[in-house]
Amino acid sequence: MRDEVVAAALLVLLLPALVLIGVGVWVGLGRPIFFKQPRAGINGHPFDLVKFRTMREGVMGEPDELRLTPFGHLLRWLSLDELPQLWNVLRGHMSLVGPRPLPVRYIERYTPEQARRLEVLPGITGLVQVGGRNGLTWDEKFALDVWYVDHRSIRLDIWILWRTLVAVARREGVSAPGHATMPEFLGSGRM
């Protein structure tokens, strides 16, 4: 319940910034302003993750590098594209802190140990975001997610939230080396 209260307060506080970003997306990319994608929530239950759109529509198979706009790159670099996920927190689909929600199609590719990340609500930020973000391998990310599941506490969440502010300020690990975002997870040992 505390996450929903914080999310509601942040949505009100950040409303002017959300409107400005939305107008910027609308001017630069047109509609829709928001990117929505089914993601795996707690116990693998799907929900629609909401973010500001950062890429133009592309043809099938076109790499993210060619679809990412300069304004979209700026939003990702500053992590501002993630702000609409406060709505997901308000709706109870996400927490402020937890493993990042990944596409539903990844579930069948998880090892049993990796699937343990689904035992808690996914978060806007987590250990992966403060521990290297997209500079980490998929296996490293999953190991951090499972460690979080086993050790979560209010104290750890507060530490992660503080470290998130530092990580966003440093803008490190926004993209995987050689990629505009992060390559698709194909399963352990198949990347």
Protein backbone atom coordinates (compact mmCIF):
# COMPACT_ATOMS: atom_id res chain seq x y z
CA MET A 1 0.00 0.00 0.00
CA ARG A 2 2.85 2.40 0.71
CA ASP A 3 4.07 2.08 -2.90
CA GLU A 4 0.68 3.17 -4.24
CA VAL A 5 0.64 6.23 -1.94
CA VAL A 6 4.16 7.23 -3.02
CA ALA A 7 3.28 6.65 -6.70
CA ALA A 8 0.16 8.82 -6.40
CA ALA A 9 2.13 11.61 -4.74
CA LEU A 10 4.87 11.43 -7.37
CA LEU A 11 2.34 11.47 -10.23
CA VAL A 12 0.81 14.68 -8.83
CA LEU A 13 4.22 16.25 -8.16
CA LEU A 14 5.60 15.30 -11.58
CA LEU A 15 2.46 16.14 -13.57
CA PRO A 16 3.96 19.25 -15.24
CA ALA A 17 7.03 17.26 -16.34
CA LEU A 18 4.86 14.37 -17.55
CA VAL A 19 2.78 16.78 -19.65
CA LEU A 20 5.90 18.42 -21.14
CA ILE A 21 7.45 15.06 -22.00
CA GLY A 22 4.15 13.88 -23.48
CA VAL A 23 3.98 16.97 -25.70
CA GLY A 24 7.60 16.37 -26.76
CA VAL A 25 6.82 12.79 -27.74
CA TRP A 26 3.68 13.89 -29.58
CA VAL A 27 5.58 16.58 -31.52
CA GLY A 28 8.56 14.33 -32.28
CA LEU A 29 6.86 11.01 -32.91
CA GLY A 30 3.15 11.64 -33.13
CA ARG A 31 0.65 9.34 -31.52
CA PRO A 32 0.54 7.18 -29.57
CA ILE A 33 2.48 8.99 -26.85
CA PHE A 34 2.80 5.89 -24.69
CA PHE A 35 4.43 2.56 -25.44
CA LYS A 36 2.49 -0.35 -23.95
CA GLN A 37 3.73 -3.92 -23.88
CA PRO A 38 2.57 -7.03 -22.04
CA ARG A 39 5.05 -7.81 -19.29
CA ALA A 40 5.25 -10.58 -16.72
CA GLY A 41 4.13 -9.51 -13.27
CA ILE A 42 4.08 -11.41 -10.01
CA ASN A 43 3.69 -15.16 -10.59
CA GLY A 44 3.98 -14.47 -14.33
CA HIS A 45 0.58 -12.75 -14.59
CA PRO A 46 0.67 -10.40 -17.58
CA PHE A 47 -0.03 -6.68 -17.38
CA ASP A 48 0.51 -3.78 -19.77
CA LEU A 49 3.68 -1.86 -18.90
CA VAL A 50 3.41 1.83 -19.78
CA LYS A 51 6.36 3.99 -20.86
CA PHE A 52 6.82 7.08 -22.97
CA ARG A 53 7.40 6.08 -26.56
CA THR A 54 11.02 6.61 -27.65
CA MET A 55 11.09 4.87 -31.04
CA ARG A 56 9.37 5.47 -34.32
CA GLU A 57 7.37 2.68 -35.88
CA GLY A 58 9.60 0.44 -37.95
CA VAL A 59 9.44 -2.41 -40.35
CA MET A 60 9.60 -5.94 -38.96
CA GLY A 61 13.13 -6.84 -37.93
CA GLU A 62 14.47 -3.28 -38.09
CA PRO A 63 17.02 -2.84 -35.27
CA ASP A 64 16.28 -0.54 -32.34
CA GLU A 65 19.30 1.61 -33.24
CA LEU A 66 17.54 2.77 -36.41
CA ARG A 67 14.16 3.36 -34.73
CA LEU A 68 15.38 5.26 -31.64
CA THR A 69 14.87 9.00 -32.14
CA PRO A 70 17.21 11.68 -30.74
CA PHE A 71 14.49 12.82 -28.31
CA GLY A 72 13.84 9.17 -27.41
CA HIS A 73 17.55 8.68 -26.79
CA LEU A 74 17.52 11.68 -24.44
CA LEU A 75 14.50 10.32 -22.57
CA ARG A 76 16.19 6.94 -22.13
CA TRP A 77 19.51 8.50 -21.17
CA LEU A 78 17.74 10.45 -18.39
CA SER A 79 15.39 7.49 -17.59
CA LEU A 80 12.41 9.82 -18.10
CA ASP A 81 10.69 7.30 -20.38
CA GLU A 82 10.09 5.18 -17.25
CA LEU A 83 7.99 7.78 -15.37
CA PRO A 84 4.58 6.53 -16.63
CA GLN A 85 5.26 3.27 -14.78
CA LEU A 86 4.15 5.11 -11.65
CA TRP A 87 0.68 4.43 -13.08
CA ASN A 88 1.50 0.69 -13.05
CA VAL A 89 2.51 1.03 -9.38
CA LEU A 90 -0.71 2.90 -8.58
CA ARG A 91 -2.72 0.09 -10.20
CA GLY A 92 -0.90 -2.57 -8.15
CA HIS A 93 0.90 -4.23 -11.08
CA MET A 94 4.32 -3.06 -9.96
CA SER A 95 6.26 -1.90 -6.94
CA LEU A 96 8.76 0.93 -6.74
CA VAL A 97 11.53 -1.64 -6.16
CA GLY A 98 11.78 -5.17 -7.52
CA PRO A 99 13.04 -7.09 -10.54
CA ARG A 100 12.27 -5.20 -13.76
CA PRO A 101 9.26 -6.67 -15.58
CA LEU A 102 10.34 -8.45 -18.74
CA PRO A 103 8.27 -9.45 -21.78
CA VAL A 104 5.88 -12.33 -21.16
CA ARG A 105 7.50 -14.37 -23.95
CA TYR A 106 10.69 -14.67 -21.85
CA ILE A 107 9.00 -16.78 -19.15
CA GLU A 108 9.37 -20.04 -21.08
CA ARG A 109 13.09 -19.34 -21.51
CA TYR A 110 13.82 -18.99 -17.78
CA THR A 111 15.61 -21.67 -15.84
CA PRO A 112 13.76 -22.67 -12.64
CA GLU A 113 16.16 -20.47 -10.66
CA GLN A 114 15.64 -17.48 -12.97
CA ALA A 115 11.85 -17.91 -12.72
CA ARG A 116 12.10 -17.14 -9.00
CA ARG A 117 12.24 -13.45 -9.98
CA LEU A 118 8.48 -13.78 -10.54
CA GLU A 119 7.85 -14.46 -6.84
CA VAL A 120 7.62 -10.72 -6.08
CA LEU A 121 6.04 -7.70 -7.73
CA PRO A 122 8.26 -6.29 -10.46
CA GLY A 123 9.69 -2.84 -9.84
CA ILE A 124 10.48 0.43 -11.57
CA THR A 125 13.99 0.02 -10.22
CA GLY A 126 15.95 -2.79 -8.63
CA LEU A 127 19.37 -4.21 -7.93
CA VAL A 128 20.07 -4.55 -11.65
CA GLN A 129 19.47 -0.83 -12.22
CA VAL A 130 21.94 0.12 -9.49
CA GLY A 131 24.38 -2.68 -10.23
CA GLY A 132 25.17 -2.04 -13.88
CA ARG A 133 21.87 -1.95 -15.72
CA ASN A 134 22.23 -3.00 -19.37
CA GLY A 135 26.00 -3.25 -18.95
CA LEU A 136 25.34 -6.60 -17.24
CA THR A 137 24.76 -9.93 -18.95
CA TRP A 138 21.35 -11.56 -18.70
CA ASP A 139 22.73 -14.18 -16.30
CA GLU A 140 24.16 -11.45 -14.05
CA LYS A 141 20.81 -9.65 -14.08
CA PHE A 142 18.89 -12.79 -13.13
CA ALA A 143 21.33 -13.57 -10.32
CA LEU A 144 20.75 -10.08 -8.85
CA ASP A 145 16.99 -10.45 -9.21
CA VAL A 146 16.95 -13.77 -7.34
CA TRP A 147 19.26 -12.36 -4.65
CA TYR A 148 16.76 -9.53 -4.19
CA VAL A 149 13.87 -12.00 -3.85
CA ASP A 150 15.78 -13.82 -1.08
CA HIS A 151 16.91 -10.67 0.78
CA ARG A 152 14.25 -8.03 0.23
CA SER A 153 13.52 -5.63 3.06
CA ILE A 154 12.44 -2.04 3.53
CA ARG A 155 16.02 -1.10 4.34
CA LEU A 156 17.26 -2.70 1.09
CA ASP A 157 14.49 -0.97 -0.89
CA ILE A 158 15.45 2.43 0.54
CA TRP A 159 19.10 1.79 -0.32
CA ILE A 160 18.11 0.80 -3.90
CA LEU A 161 15.97 3.92 -4.31
CA TRP A 162 18.88 6.10 -3.15
CA ARG A 163 21.35 4.31 -5.43
CA THR A 164 18.90 4.67 -8.32
CA LEU A 165 19.11 8.45 -8.04
CA VAL A 166 22.91 8.17 -8.18
CA ALA A 167 22.80 5.73 -11.13
CA VAL A 168 20.42 7.96 -13.11
CA ALA A 169 22.64 10.99 -12.43
CA ARG A 170 25.69 9.08 -13.71
CA ARG A 171 23.77 7.71 -16.73
CA GLU A 172 25.83 4.52 -16.83
CA GLY A 173 24.70 1.25 -18.35
CA VAL A 174 21.71 2.70 -20.20
CA SER A 175 22.48 0.51 -23.22
CA ALA A 176 24.22 -2.80 -23.64
CA PRO A 177 27.62 -2.43 -25.34
CA GLY A 178 27.05 -2.22 -29.10
CA HIS A 179 23.24 -1.92 -28.76
CA ALA A 180 20.70 0.90 -28.49
CA THR A 181 18.91 -1.01 -25.75
CA MET A 182 19.47 -4.62 -24.62
CA PRO A 183 19.50 -7.65 -26.91
CA GLU A 184 16.60 -10.05 -26.52
CA PHE A 185 16.91 -12.77 -23.88
CA LEU A 186 17.02 -16.07 -25.75
CA GLY A 187 17.72 -18.27 -22.74
CA SER A 188 20.87 -18.86 -20.69
CA GLY A 189 23.84 -19.81 -22.81
CA ARG A 190 22.09 -18.78 -26.06
CA MET A 191 22.81 -15.03 -26.20
